[in-house]
Each structure stands twice: as C-alpha cells, then as structure tokens.
Amino acid sequence: MTDINVFYELKKCVLEHYKKRYPYFEGSWKNFTSQDILNLIDDVQLQTKNSVSEKWIYTHLKPETNEKLPRKDMLDIFSQYLGTSGWDEFKFQPIDNADVEKQLKKPTKNKKYIVFGFVTVVIFGLAFWKIRVKKEQLQTIRLEEKFSNDSISSSSTKVYVVKDNIENEVVLKDSKIEVGKNAQVVIKSPFYKEKKIDLTQTPNVNKVSLQPNDYTNILQGFIKSDIKDWQTRKEQLQKILHDNVEVIVMLKNNLGAEYFNKNEFSQKLIIPTPSLKKMKIVEVTNDSNNQITFIRIIQE
C-alpha cells in the first residue's frame, strides 16, 4: 500500500468526519462549497489548534485524483483531526482497499487506443465535412439583436449547422456566418433565446434578429456593474430566479465547481465584489414562465 493510497483514505475519513460535525452536508468533495471549506478550516483549528488554508484544501482535498503526496506537516494536522497522533499512526490503520482502488483506477492501454482512434475518426470526419461545405454554394447571414443593431458576440453565441441530427459548429465572425444554401441552422446563447432557421423553407434569409433573454442580461448586469442598491437587486432576483434554481460555478485551474441554491446565489449577487466581476455566464435554462432554473458560470 503506497502513501498516495493512504492519502485517499485520509480524504475519505476527513469528509466523513466533517459530515458528523455538520450533519446537513450530504455531498462529496466535488460539491464542497466555499462555506464548507471555511467550516472545515474552523473545525480543524478548534480540534487541532492548527491552521490550514483554503488554497491547500482546493489543491489537495477537492480534486478526485492526486498525483503527489502533500507535505507531511499538513498530513499530520488532518490525521490529528481524525483523532490519531499524526500521519505515521494513521498509515498503520486498516484501509478499505476497494474504495482506494476505485479512485486510482485508470483507463487501460486498450481503452486509450480506442479513445485515440475515436478522436482520429472525428477529426477526419470534421475535415471531410468542412471540405464538402466549401464545395457547396454558401450564403452569408448576419445576426442582430432584435431591439438594436449591436453586434453579436462570438464568445457567448454559438451557431450550429444541423445535418442528420448532428450539430456542427460554424464560425461566427463580425456577427456573420456562412452556411450552405440548404442548411438548417441553430443559434444558441445564454443571452438570447434559441433560434432555429431552416433554409430549405426560407432560402432567402440574409439577416436574423435574436430575441434577448432579458433575465440573463439582468444577471449579467448585476455581475459586471457597481450598483449598490441591494434591496432593488434582491427584489429583482426574487422575480427572475426560480425557487429551485441550480447554479454551478466552474472554478479556475481545474479546481472543480461550486454549487449554489437560490438564497446562496442571491446573497452573492446583491453585494458587488471583485471576484463577482470575474464571473462569466455560459449557460442558462428558463422554464415556461421565463424564470431561470439553471445557470452555469465560469471564473475568468
């Protein structure tokens, strides 16, 4: 049994111990939020009289796999948190090998070759598709906002040509796309309502107006602006967010993701902070009443 195997068991035991201390948490390291991290830091401080940093937890406890063993002094602290004298004693405790092997399990060489072959086929398939499209007669379509002449951002708007129920993305440049005469086009963006165009039915289209997703644009305004009218923000968020909205924030440097419910996300939005302005909305889902039920955000 290697030390890295034992470290996986340590992570598992720390999470189980945290759940005993905070019974309302029922998740895993993957959905361990920033508030949970602060709770864990306080609990470790209380039980061991030692301090640990948020960065250390993000770097070593939240990831599903670990390539290197952390420093022994930190291993000692979390081993003491579990009631042992330190890392050396913890290593001699019985370990659930099945759980550890499940975490360490990696694809075999055959699986790697299969994946490589699949990727190769996809690449050649896309190349063939692009050559075929170039041979077709193309037409240019300009995308515009319905209520203004503002250009459409290529970073937040994706355009796909649909063929045989497969979507292939096309380049959006200067708010324009070039597609085949008989193409079926789908336009997707968190800031606009999805638009579908069938050029076999409407062949002479050269301009498409997109309907703004008003509620997403309000959220984006909250994220980027310095508005300090907390009460107004709170009232508007109550209206545009569904009571069961799910918010996923993808952390930088592949540190995982954070999950927020309506109250937690609203609290984050009503107070402008530098970290809030670094958030970028990449996906939004609305229900039949236009309330937002799902949001995916990345940290820039």
C-alpha atoms as a PDB file:
ATOM      1  CA  MET A   1       0.000   0.000   0.000  1.00  0.00           C
ATOM      2  CA  THR A   2       1.588   3.273  -1.124  1.00  0.00           C
ATOM      3  CA  ASP A   3       1.366   6.581   0.722  1.00  0.00           C
ATOM      4  CA  ILE A   4      -0.840   8.064  -2.023  1.00  0.00           C
ATOM      5  CA  ASN A   5      -3.323   5.203  -1.458  1.00  0.00           C
ATOM      6  CA  VAL A   6      -3.391   6.023   2.233  1.00  0.00           C
ATOM      7  CA  PHE A   7      -3.931   9.704   1.412  1.00  0.00           C
ATOM      8  CA  TYR A   8      -7.118   8.809  -0.486  1.00  0.00           C
ATOM      9  CA  GLU A   9      -8.347   7.048   2.635  1.00  0.00           C
ATOM     10  CA  LEU A  10      -7.429  10.108   4.693  1.00  0.00           C
ATOM     11  CA  LYS A  11      -9.533  12.303   2.378  1.00  0.00           C
ATOM     12  CA  LYS A  12     -12.455   9.908   2.698  1.00  0.00           C
ATOM     13  CA  CYS A  13     -12.195   9.873   6.522  1.00  0.00           C
ATOM     14  CA  VAL A  14     -11.923  13.690   6.725  1.00  0.00           C
ATOM     15  CA  LEU A  15     -15.105  14.037   4.666  1.00  0.00           C
ATOM     16  CA  GLU A  16     -16.950  11.509   6.836  1.00  0.00           C
ATOM     17  CA  HIS A  17     -15.781  13.278   9.993  1.00  0.00           C
ATOM     18  CA  TYR A  18     -16.931  16.631   8.587  1.00  0.00           C
ATOM     19  CA  LYS A  19     -20.393  15.152   7.897  1.00  0.00           C
ATOM     20  CA  LYS A  20     -20.639  14.094  11.533  1.00  0.00           C
ATOM     21  CA  ARG A  21     -19.768  17.624  12.628  1.00  0.00           C
ATOM     22  CA  TYR A  22     -22.094  19.222  10.038  1.00  0.00           C
ATOM     23  CA  PRO A  23     -24.920  16.670   9.503  1.00  0.00           C
ATOM     24  CA  TYR A  24     -26.762  18.868   6.980  1.00  0.00           C
ATOM     25  CA  PHE A  25     -23.948  18.329   4.452  1.00  0.00           C
ATOM     26  CA  GLU A  26     -24.588  15.170   2.424  1.00  0.00           C
ATOM     27  CA  GLY A  27     -22.381  15.731  -0.623  1.00  0.00           C
ATOM     28  CA  SER A  28     -18.854  14.826  -1.649  1.00  0.00           C
ATOM     29  CA  TRP A  29     -15.590  16.744  -2.161  1.00  0.00           C
ATOM     30  CA  LYS A  30     -16.828  17.596  -5.655  1.00  0.00           C
ATOM     31  CA  ASN A  31     -19.645  19.805  -4.336  1.00  0.00           C
ATOM     32  CA  PHE A  32     -17.811  21.001  -1.227  1.00  0.00           C
ATOM     33  CA  THR A  33     -18.587  24.739  -1.271  1.00  0.00           C
ATOM     34  CA  SER A  34     -16.512  27.693  -0.140  1.00  0.00           C
ATOM     35  CA  GLN A  35     -18.649  27.882   3.009  1.00  0.00           C
ATOM     36  CA  ASP A  36     -17.953  24.204   3.732  1.00  0.00           C
ATOM     37  CA  ILE A  37     -14.243  24.910   3.340  1.00  0.00           C
ATOM     38  CA  LEU A  38     -14.460  27.745   5.872  1.00  0.00           C
ATOM     39  CA  ASN A  39     -16.378  25.443   8.241  1.00  0.00           C
ATOM     40  CA  LEU A  40     -13.695  22.753   7.877  1.00  0.00           C
ATOM     41  CA  ILE A  41     -10.891  25.257   8.495  1.00  0.00           C
ATOM     42  CA  ASP A  42     -12.607  26.428  11.694  1.00  0.00           C
ATOM     43  CA  ASP A  43     -13.228  22.852  12.845  1.00  0.00           C
ATOM     44  CA  VAL A  44      -9.608  21.827  12.250  1.00  0.00           C
ATOM     45  CA  GLN A  45      -8.445  24.922  14.147  1.00  0.00           C
ATOM     46  CA  LEU A  46     -10.777  24.077  17.037  1.00  0.00           C
ATOM     47  CA  GLN A  47      -9.726  20.422  17.313  1.00  0.00           C
ATOM     48  CA  THR A  48      -6.014  20.575  16.498  1.00  0.00           C
ATOM     49  CA  LYS A  49      -5.041  24.203  17.276  1.00  0.00           C
ATOM     50  CA  ASN A  50      -3.503  24.333  13.782  1.00  0.00           C
ATOM     51  CA  SER A  51      -4.375  26.431  10.759  1.00  0.00           C
ATOM     52  CA  VAL A  52      -4.914  25.284   7.173  1.00  0.00           C
ATOM     53  CA  SER A  53      -5.516  27.404   4.091  1.00  0.00           C
ATOM     54  CA  GLU A  54      -8.382  27.447   1.598  1.00  0.00           C
ATOM     55  CA  LYS A  55      -5.865  27.002  -1.233  1.00  0.00           C
ATOM     56  CA  TRP A  56      -4.494  23.808   0.318  1.00  0.00           C
ATOM     57  CA  ILE A  57      -7.992  22.306   0.549  1.00  0.00           C
ATOM     58  CA  TYR A  58      -8.797  23.312  -3.048  1.00  0.00           C
ATOM     59  CA  THR A  59      -5.486  21.865  -4.247  1.00  0.00           C
ATOM     60  CA  HIS A  60      -5.352  18.591  -2.307  1.00  0.00           C
ATOM     61  CA  LEU A  61      -8.782  17.618  -0.924  1.00  0.00           C
ATOM     62  CA  LYS A  62     -11.273  18.703  -3.609  1.00  0.00           C
ATOM     63  CA  PRO A  63      -9.622  17.016  -6.668  1.00  0.00           C
ATOM     64  CA  GLU A  64     -10.788  13.463  -7.447  1.00  0.00           C
ATOM     65  CA  THR A  65      -7.225  12.358  -8.201  1.00  0.00           C
ATOM     66  CA  ASN A  66      -3.904  13.383  -6.663  1.00  0.00           C
ATOM     67  CA  GLU A  67      -0.557  12.925  -8.384  1.00  0.00           C
ATOM     68  CA  LYS A  68       1.664  13.955  -5.489  1.00  0.00           C
ATOM     69  CA  LEU A  69       1.552  13.466  -1.756  1.00  0.00           C
ATOM     70  CA  PRO A  70       1.143  16.739   0.237  1.00  0.00           C
ATOM     71  CA  ARG A  71       3.649  17.895   2.825  1.00  0.00           C
ATOM     72  CA  LYS A  72       3.848  15.690   5.927  1.00  0.00           C
ATOM     73  CA  ASP A  73       3.090  18.558   8.337  1.00  0.00           C
ATOM     74  CA  MET A  74      -0.323  19.036   6.655  1.00  0.00           C
ATOM     75  CA  LEU A  75      -0.935  15.287   6.690  1.00  0.00           C
ATOM     76  CA  ASP A  76      -0.168  15.315  10.421  1.00  0.00           C
ATOM     77  CA  ILE A  77      -2.758  18.052  11.016  1.00  0.00           C
ATOM     78  CA  PHE A  78      -5.596  16.203   9.247  1.00  0.00           C
ATOM     79  CA  SER A  79      -4.569  12.894  10.839  1.00  0.00           C
ATOM     80  CA  GLN A  80      -4.832  14.619  14.244  1.00  0.00           C
ATOM     81  CA  TYR A  81      -8.219  15.995  13.175  1.00  0.00           C
ATOM     82  CA  LEU A  82      -9.309  12.347  12.867  1.00  0.00           C
ATOM     83  CA  GLY A  83      -8.098  11.512  16.376  1.00  0.00           C
ATOM     84  CA  THR A  84      -4.674   9.985  15.712  1.00  0.00           C
ATOM     85  CA  SER A  85      -1.290  11.311  16.813  1.00  0.00           C
ATOM     86  CA  GLY A  86      -0.287  12.073  13.235  1.00  0.00           C
ATOM     87  CA  TRP A  87       0.281  10.743   9.728  1.00  0.00           C
ATOM     88  CA  ASP A  88       2.604   7.926  10.828  1.00  0.00           C
ATOM     89  CA  GLU A  89      -0.069   6.458  13.118  1.00  0.00           C
ATOM     90  CA  PHE A  90      -2.849   6.944  10.579  1.00  0.00           C
ATOM     91  CA  LYS A  91      -0.887   4.929   7.967  1.00  0.00           C
ATOM     92  CA  PHE A  92      -0.995   1.843  10.181  1.00  0.00           C
ATOM     93  CA  GLN A  93      -4.790   1.808  10.453  1.00  0.00           C
ATOM     94  CA  PRO A  94      -6.836  -0.686   8.364  1.00  0.00           C
ATOM     95  CA  ILE A  95      -7.727   0.759   4.940  1.00  0.00           C
ATOM     96  CA  ASP A  96     -10.648  -0.024   2.630  1.00  0.00           C
ATOM     97  CA  ASN A  97      -8.636  -1.130  -0.403  1.00  0.00           C
ATOM     98  CA  ALA A  98     -11.722  -1.377  -2.648  1.00  0.00           C
ATOM     99  CA  ASP A  99     -12.510   2.337  -2.293  1.00  0.00           C
ATOM    100  CA  VAL A 100      -8.901   3.337  -2.836  1.00  0.00           C
ATOM    101  CA  GLU A 101      -8.505   1.193  -5.948  1.00  0.00           C
ATOM    102  CA  LYS A 102     -11.729   2.633  -7.354  1.00  0.00           C
ATOM    103  CA  GLN A 103     -10.312   6.161  -7.021  1.00  0.00           C
ATOM    104  CA  LEU A 104      -6.957   5.196  -8.522  1.00  0.00           C
ATOM    105  CA  LYS A 105      -8.419   3.174 -11.399  1.00  0.00           C
ATOM    106  CA  LYS A 106      -7.184   4.490 -14.753  1.00  0.00           C
ATOM    107  CA  PRO A 107      -8.016   3.576 -18.359  1.00  0.00           C
ATOM    108  CA  THR A 108      -6.111   0.607 -19.772  1.00  0.00           C
ATOM    109  CA  LYS A 109      -3.912   0.934 -22.855  1.00  0.00           C
ATOM    110  CA  ASN A 110      -6.620  -0.665 -24.987  1.00  0.00           C
ATOM    111  CA  LYS A 111      -9.120   1.957 -23.841  1.00  0.00           C
ATOM    112  CA  LYS A 112      -6.601   4.672 -24.607  1.00  0.00           C
ATOM    113  CA  TYR A 113      -6.180   3.318 -28.128  1.00  0.00           C
ATOM    114  CA  ILE A 114      -9.958   3.190 -28.586  1.00  0.00           C
ATOM    115  CA  VAL A 115     -10.283   6.800 -27.454  1.00  0.00           C
ATOM    116  CA  PHE A 116      -7.407   7.849 -29.724  1.00  0.00           C
ATOM    117  CA  GLY A 117      -8.995   6.041 -32.657  1.00  0.00           C
ATOM    118  CA  PHE A 118     -12.364   7.642 -31.982  1.00  0.00           C
ATOM    119  CA  VAL A 119     -10.836  11.122 -31.802  1.00  0.00           C
ATOM    120  CA  THR A 120      -8.962  10.481 -35.063  1.00  0.00           C
ATOM    121  CA  VAL A 121     -12.166   9.428 -36.820  1.00  0.00           C
ATOM    122  CA  VAL A 122     -13.958  12.527 -35.519  1.00  0.00           C
ATOM    123  CA  ILE A 123     -11.155  14.815 -36.724  1.00  0.00           C
ATOM    124  CA  PHE A 124     -11.143  13.289 -40.209  1.00  0.00           C
ATOM    125  CA  GLY A 125     -14.940  13.390 -40.271  1.00  0.00           C
ATOM    126  CA  LEU A 126     -14.983  17.101 -39.446  1.00  0.00           C
ATOM    127  CA  ALA A 127     -12.304  17.793 -42.062  1.00  0.00           C
ATOM    128  CA  PHE A 128     -14.351  15.941 -44.706  1.00  0.00           C
ATOM    129  CA  TRP A 129     -17.494  17.854 -43.683  1.00  0.00           C
ATOM    130  CA  LYS A 130     -15.706  21.221 -43.971  1.00  0.00           C
ATOM    131  CA  ILE A 131     -14.388  20.348 -47.452  1.00  0.00           C
ATOM    132  CA  ARG A 132     -17.866  19.324 -48.549  1.00  0.00           C
ATOM    133  CA  VAL A 133     -19.434  22.539 -47.238  1.00  0.00           C
ATOM    134  CA  LYS A 134     -16.848  24.636 -49.100  1.00  0.00           C
ATOM    135  CA  LYS A 135     -17.881  22.944 -52.334  1.00  0.00           C
ATOM    136  CA  GLU A 136     -21.498  23.965 -51.763  1.00  0.00           C
ATOM    137  CA  GLN A 137     -22.798  27.390 -52.662  1.00  0.00           C
ATOM    138  CA  LEU A 138     -22.617  29.469 -49.488  1.00  0.00           C
ATOM    139  CA  GLN A 139     -24.759  32.342 -48.311  1.00  0.00           C
ATOM    140  CA  THR A 140     -23.941  34.936 -45.674  1.00  0.00           C
ATOM    141  CA  ILE A 141     -26.309  35.590 -42.778  1.00  0.00           C
ATOM    142  CA  ARG A 142     -25.948  38.489 -40.377  1.00  0.00           C
ATOM    143  CA  LEU A 143     -27.063  38.142 -36.753  1.00  0.00           C
ATOM    144  CA  GLU A 144     -28.525  41.156 -34.957  1.00  0.00           C
ATOM    145  CA  GLU A 145     -30.276  41.937 -31.701  1.00  0.00           C
ATOM    146  CA  LYS A 146     -33.988  42.325 -32.207  1.00  0.00           C
ATOM    147  CA  PHE A 147     -34.196  45.707 -30.498  1.00  0.00           C
ATOM    148  CA  SER A 148     -30.866  47.193 -31.546  1.00  0.00           C
ATOM    149  CA  ASN A 149     -28.118  46.985 -34.164  1.00  0.00           C
ATOM    150  CA  ASP A 150     -25.476  45.778 -31.706  1.00  0.00           C
ATOM    151  CA  SER A 151     -23.086  43.122 -32.955  1.00  0.00           C
ATOM    152  CA  ILE A 152     -23.475  39.570 -31.627  1.00  0.00           C
ATOM    153  CA  SER A 153     -20.558  38.356 -29.510  1.00  0.00           C
ATOM    154  CA  SER A 154     -18.895  35.217 -30.819  1.00  0.00           C
ATOM    155  CA  SER A 155     -17.642  34.365 -27.321  1.00  0.00           C
ATOM    156  CA  SER A 156     -21.156  33.854 -25.929  1.00  0.00           C
ATOM    157  CA  THR A 157     -23.107  32.892 -29.083  1.00  0.00           C
ATOM    158  CA  LYS A 158     -22.656  29.536 -30.811  1.00  0.00           C
ATOM    159  CA  VAL A 159     -24.015  28.705 -34.267  1.00  0.00           C
ATOM    160  CA  TYR A 160     -24.506  25.145 -35.493  1.00  0.00           C
ATOM    161  CA  VAL A 161     -25.428  23.574 -38.827  1.00  0.00           C
ATOM    162  CA  VAL A 162     -27.654  20.539 -38.248  1.00  0.00           C
ATOM    163  CA  LYS A 163     -27.438  17.509 -40.501  1.00  0.00           C
ATOM    164  CA  ASP A 164     -28.740  14.027 -39.685  1.00  0.00           C
ATOM    165  CA  ASN A 165     -29.499  15.308 -36.157  1.00  0.00           C
ATOM    166  CA  ILE A 166     -25.809  16.142 -35.636  1.00  0.00           C
ATOM    167  CA  GLU A 167     -24.794  19.714 -34.780  1.00  0.00           C
ATOM    168  CA  ASN A 168     -21.540  21.011 -36.271  1.00  0.00           C
ATOM    169  CA  GLU A 169     -20.388  24.434 -35.077  1.00  0.00           C
ATOM    170  CA  VAL A 170     -19.654  27.100 -37.670  1.00  0.00           C
ATOM    171  CA  VAL A 171     -17.515  30.198 -37.221  1.00  0.00           C
ATOM    172  CA  LEU A 172     -19.266  33.408 -36.231  1.00  0.00           C
ATOM    173  CA  LYS A 173     -17.180  36.418 -37.293  1.00  0.00           C
ATOM    174  CA  ASP A 174     -18.216  40.075 -37.212  1.00  0.00           C
ATOM    175  CA  SER A 175     -21.774  38.922 -36.409  1.00  0.00           C
ATOM    176  CA  LYS A 176     -21.881  36.950 -39.697  1.00  0.00           C
ATOM    177  CA  ILE A 177     -21.881  33.287 -40.674  1.00  0.00           C
ATOM    178  CA  GLU A 178     -21.510  31.495 -43.985  1.00  0.00           C
ATOM    179  CA  VAL A 179     -23.621  28.375 -44.498  1.00  0.00           C
ATOM    180  CA  GLY A 180     -24.821  26.172 -47.342  1.00  0.00           C
ATOM    181  CA  LYS A 181     -27.971  27.134 -49.214  1.00  0.00           C
ATOM    182  CA  ASN A 182     -29.972  24.210 -47.816  1.00  0.00           C
ATOM    183  CA  ALA A 183     -28.620  24.327 -44.273  1.00  0.00           C
ATOM    184  CA  GLN A 184     -30.580  24.018 -41.061  1.00  0.00           C
ATOM    185  CA  VAL A 185     -29.109  26.454 -38.542  1.00  0.00           C
ATOM    186  CA  VAL A 186     -29.421  26.602 -34.749  1.00  0.00           C
ATOM    187  CA  ILE A 187     -28.242  29.661 -32.788  1.00  0.00           C
ATOM    188  CA  LYS A 188     -27.610  29.250 -29.047  1.00  0.00           C
ATOM    189  CA  SER A 189     -26.563  31.763 -26.401  1.00  0.00           C
ATOM    190  CA  PRO A 190     -27.274  32.332 -22.710  1.00  0.00           C
ATOM    191  CA  PHE A 191     -28.121  35.948 -23.603  1.00  0.00           C
ATOM    192  CA  TYR A 192     -30.599  35.232 -26.425  1.00  0.00           C
ATOM    193  CA  LYS A 193     -33.489  32.869 -26.942  1.00  0.00           C
ATOM    194  CA  GLU A 194     -32.581  29.871 -29.078  1.00  0.00           C
ATOM    195  CA  LYS A 195     -33.270  30.443 -32.781  1.00  0.00           C
ATOM    196  CA  LYS A 196     -33.713  27.810 -35.488  1.00  0.00           C
ATOM    197  CA  ILE A 197     -33.579  28.553 -39.227  1.00  0.00           C
ATOM    198  CA  ASP A 198     -34.400  26.059 -41.979  1.00  0.00           C
ATOM    199  CA  LEU A 199     -33.040  27.489 -45.232  1.00  0.00           C
ATOM    200  CA  THR A 200     -34.886  24.848 -47.239  1.00  0.00           C
ATOM    201  CA  GLN A 201     -38.111  26.575 -46.128  1.00  0.00           C
ATOM    202  CA  THR A 202     -36.836  30.189 -46.094  1.00  0.00           C
ATOM    203  CA  PRO A 203     -33.969  30.222 -48.619  1.00  0.00           C
ATOM    204  CA  ASN A 204     -33.575  33.985 -48.988  1.00  0.00           C
ATOM    205  CA  VAL A 205     -32.717  34.804 -45.371  1.00  0.00           C
ATOM    206  CA  ASN A 206     -29.735  37.180 -45.073  1.00  0.00           C
ATOM    207  CA  LYS A 207     -30.459  38.680 -41.661  1.00  0.00           C
ATOM    208  CA  VAL A 208     -31.628  37.095 -38.389  1.00  0.00           C
ATOM    209  CA  SER A 209     -32.802  39.045 -35.345  1.00  0.00           C
ATOM    210  CA  LEU A 210     -32.232  37.382 -31.986  1.00  0.00           C
ATOM    211  CA  GLN A 211     -34.647  37.871 -29.086  1.00  0.00           C
ATOM    212  CA  PRO A 212     -32.707  38.859 -25.932  1.00  0.00           C
ATOM    213  CA  ASN A 213     -33.049  36.712 -22.824  1.00  0.00           C
ATOM    214  CA  ASP A 214     -33.930  39.636 -20.558  1.00  0.00           C
ATOM    215  CA  TYR A 215     -33.416  37.831 -17.279  1.00  0.00           C
ATOM    216  CA  THR A 216     -29.927  36.634 -18.236  1.00  0.00           C
ATOM    217  CA  ASN A 217     -28.969  40.154 -19.240  1.00  0.00           C
ATOM    218  CA  ILE A 218     -30.179  41.441 -15.866  1.00  0.00           C
ATOM    219  CA  LEU A 219     -27.966  38.864 -14.134  1.00  0.00           C
ATOM    220  CA  GLN A 220     -25.009  39.865 -16.284  1.00  0.00           C
ATOM    221  CA  GLY A 221     -25.644  43.488 -15.327  1.00  0.00           C
ATOM    222  CA  PHE A 222     -25.561  42.557 -11.640  1.00  0.00           C
ATOM    223  CA  ILE A 223     -22.272  40.696 -12.110  1.00  0.00           C
ATOM    224  CA  LYS A 224     -20.462  43.436 -14.023  1.00  0.00           C
ATOM    225  CA  SER A 225     -21.916  46.639 -12.537  1.00  0.00           C
ATOM    226  CA  ASP A 226     -21.226  48.544  -9.333  1.00  0.00           C
ATOM    227  CA  ILE A 227     -24.885  49.013  -8.387  1.00  0.00           C
ATOM    228  CA  LYS A 228     -25.170  49.195  -4.622  1.00  0.00           C
ATOM    229  CA  ASP A 229     -28.970  49.271  -4.311  1.00  0.00           C
ATOM    230  CA  TRP A 230     -29.123  45.922  -2.532  1.00  0.00           C
ATOM    231  CA  GLN A 231     -32.865  45.961  -1.968  1.00  0.00           C
ATOM    232  CA  THR A 232     -33.629  46.521  -5.653  1.00  0.00           C
ATOM    233  CA  ARG A 233     -31.304  43.698  -6.641  1.00  0.00           C
ATOM    234  CA  LYS A 234     -32.873  41.385  -4.100  1.00  0.00           C
ATOM    235  CA  GLU A 235     -36.406  42.077  -5.338  1.00  0.00           C
ATOM    236  CA  GLN A 236     -35.439  41.563  -8.976  1.00  0.00           C
ATOM    237  CA  LEU A 237     -33.603  38.314  -8.222  1.00  0.00           C
ATOM    238  CA  GLN A 238     -36.660  37.020  -6.387  1.00  0.00           C
ATOM    239  CA  LYS A 239     -38.634  37.529  -9.582  1.00  0.00           C
ATOM    240  CA  ILE A 240     -36.247  36.186 -12.210  1.00  0.00           C
ATOM    241  CA  LEU A 241     -34.795  33.168 -10.340  1.00  0.00           C
ATOM    242  CA  HIS A 242     -36.896  30.059  -9.864  1.00  0.00           C
ATOM    243  CA  ASP A 243     -37.173  28.881  -6.249  1.00  0.00           C
ATOM    244  CA  ASN A 244     -35.351  25.661  -7.179  1.00  0.00           C
ATOM    245  CA  VAL A 245     -32.711  27.251  -9.391  1.00  0.00           C
ATOM    246  CA  GLU A 246     -29.383  25.397  -9.577  1.00  0.00           C
ATOM    247  CA  VAL A 247     -26.190  27.417 -10.035  1.00  0.00           C
ATOM    248  CA  ILE A 248     -22.863  25.795 -10.929  1.00  0.00           C
ATOM    249  CA  VAL A 249     -19.688  27.924 -10.776  1.00  0.00           C
ATOM    250  CA  MET A 250     -16.699  26.301 -12.517  1.00  0.00           C
ATOM    251  CA  LEU A 251     -13.539  27.234 -10.602  1.00  0.00           C
ATOM    252  CA  LYS A 252     -10.273  28.307 -12.224  1.00  0.00           C
ATOM    253  CA  ASN A 253      -7.285  25.983 -12.671  1.00  0.00           C
ATOM    254  CA  ASN A 254      -9.474  22.837 -12.758  1.00  0.00           C
ATOM    255  CA  LEU A 255     -10.237  23.089  -9.058  1.00  0.00           C
ATOM    256  CA  GLY A 256     -13.733  21.737  -9.533  1.00  0.00           C
ATOM    257  CA  ALA A 257     -17.042  23.543  -9.125  1.00  0.00           C
ATOM    258  CA  GLU A 258     -19.211  25.192  -6.516  1.00  0.00           C
ATOM    259  CA  TYR A 259     -22.960  24.684  -6.193  1.00  0.00           C
ATOM    260  CA  PHE A 260     -25.376  27.411  -5.060  1.00  0.00           C
ATOM    261  CA  ASN A 261     -29.099  27.404  -4.400  1.00  0.00           C
ATOM    262  CA  LYS A 262     -31.306  30.473  -4.864  1.00  0.00           C
ATOM    263  CA  ASN A 263     -30.630  32.087  -1.481  1.00  0.00           C
ATOM    264  CA  GLU A 264     -26.867  31.498  -1.639  1.00  0.00           C
ATOM    265  CA  PHE A 265     -26.541  32.822  -5.177  1.00  0.00           C
ATOM    266  CA  SER A 266     -28.768  35.836  -4.495  1.00  0.00           C
ATOM    267  CA  GLN A 267     -26.656  36.737  -1.478  1.00  0.00           C
ATOM    268  CA  LYS A 268     -23.542  36.591  -3.658  1.00  0.00           C
ATOM    269  CA  LEU A 269     -25.072  38.880  -6.295  1.00  0.00           C
ATOM    270  CA  ILE A 270     -26.527  41.646  -4.135  1.00  0.00           C
ATOM    271  CA  ILE A 271     -23.085  42.755  -2.921  1.00  0.00           C
ATOM    272  CA  PRO A 272     -20.645  43.736  -5.737  1.00  0.00           C
ATOM    273  CA  THR A 273     -17.164  42.260  -5.189  1.00  0.00           C
ATOM    274  CA  PRO A 274     -14.030  41.907  -7.381  1.00  0.00           C
ATOM    275  CA  SER A 275     -14.496  38.122  -7.540  1.00  0.00           C
ATOM    276  CA  LEU A 276     -18.091  38.572  -8.705  1.00  0.00           C
ATOM    277  CA  LYS A 277     -16.948  40.650 -11.689  1.00  0.00           C
ATOM    278  CA  LYS A 278     -14.695  37.791 -12.832  1.00  0.00           C
ATOM    279  CA  MET A 279     -17.685  35.510 -13.372  1.00  0.00           C
ATOM    280  CA  LYS A 280     -18.981  34.804 -16.873  1.00  0.00           C
ATOM    281  CA  ILE A 281     -22.366  33.252 -17.671  1.00  0.00           C
ATOM    282  CA  VAL A 282     -22.012  30.452 -20.248  1.00  0.00           C
ATOM    283  CA  GLU A 283     -25.314  28.566 -19.979  1.00  0.00           C
ATOM    284  CA  VAL A 284     -28.851  29.396 -18.812  1.00  0.00           C
ATOM    285  CA  THR A 285     -32.113  27.433 -18.816  1.00  0.00           C
ATOM    286  CA  ASN A 286     -35.537  29.106 -18.466  1.00  0.00           C
ATOM    287  CA  ASP A 287     -38.870  27.482 -17.645  1.00  0.00           C
ATOM    288  CA  SER A 288     -42.199  28.134 -19.376  1.00  0.00           C
ATOM    289  CA  ASN A 289     -42.683  31.286 -17.255  1.00  0.00           C
ATOM    290  CA  ASN A 290     -39.224  32.537 -18.289  1.00  0.00           C
ATOM    291  CA  GLN A 291     -37.841  32.113 -14.750  1.00  0.00           C
ATOM    292  CA  ILE A 292     -34.252  30.880 -14.664  1.00  0.00           C
ATOM    293  CA  THR A 293     -33.959  27.276 -13.470  1.00  0.00           C
ATOM    294  CA  PHE A 294     -30.282  26.577 -14.204  1.00  0.00           C
ATOM    295  CA  ILE A 295     -27.115  28.702 -14.559  1.00  0.00           C
ATOM    296  CA  ARG A 296     -23.580  27.634 -15.426  1.00  0.00           C
ATOM    297  CA  ILE A 297     -20.804  30.169 -14.749  1.00  0.00           C
ATOM    298  CA  ILE A 298     -17.042  30.103 -15.249  1.00  0.00           C
ATOM    299  CA  GLN A 299     -14.442  32.124 -13.343  1.00  0.00           C
ATOM    300  CA  GLU A 300     -12.301  34.125 -15.761  1.00  0.00           C
END
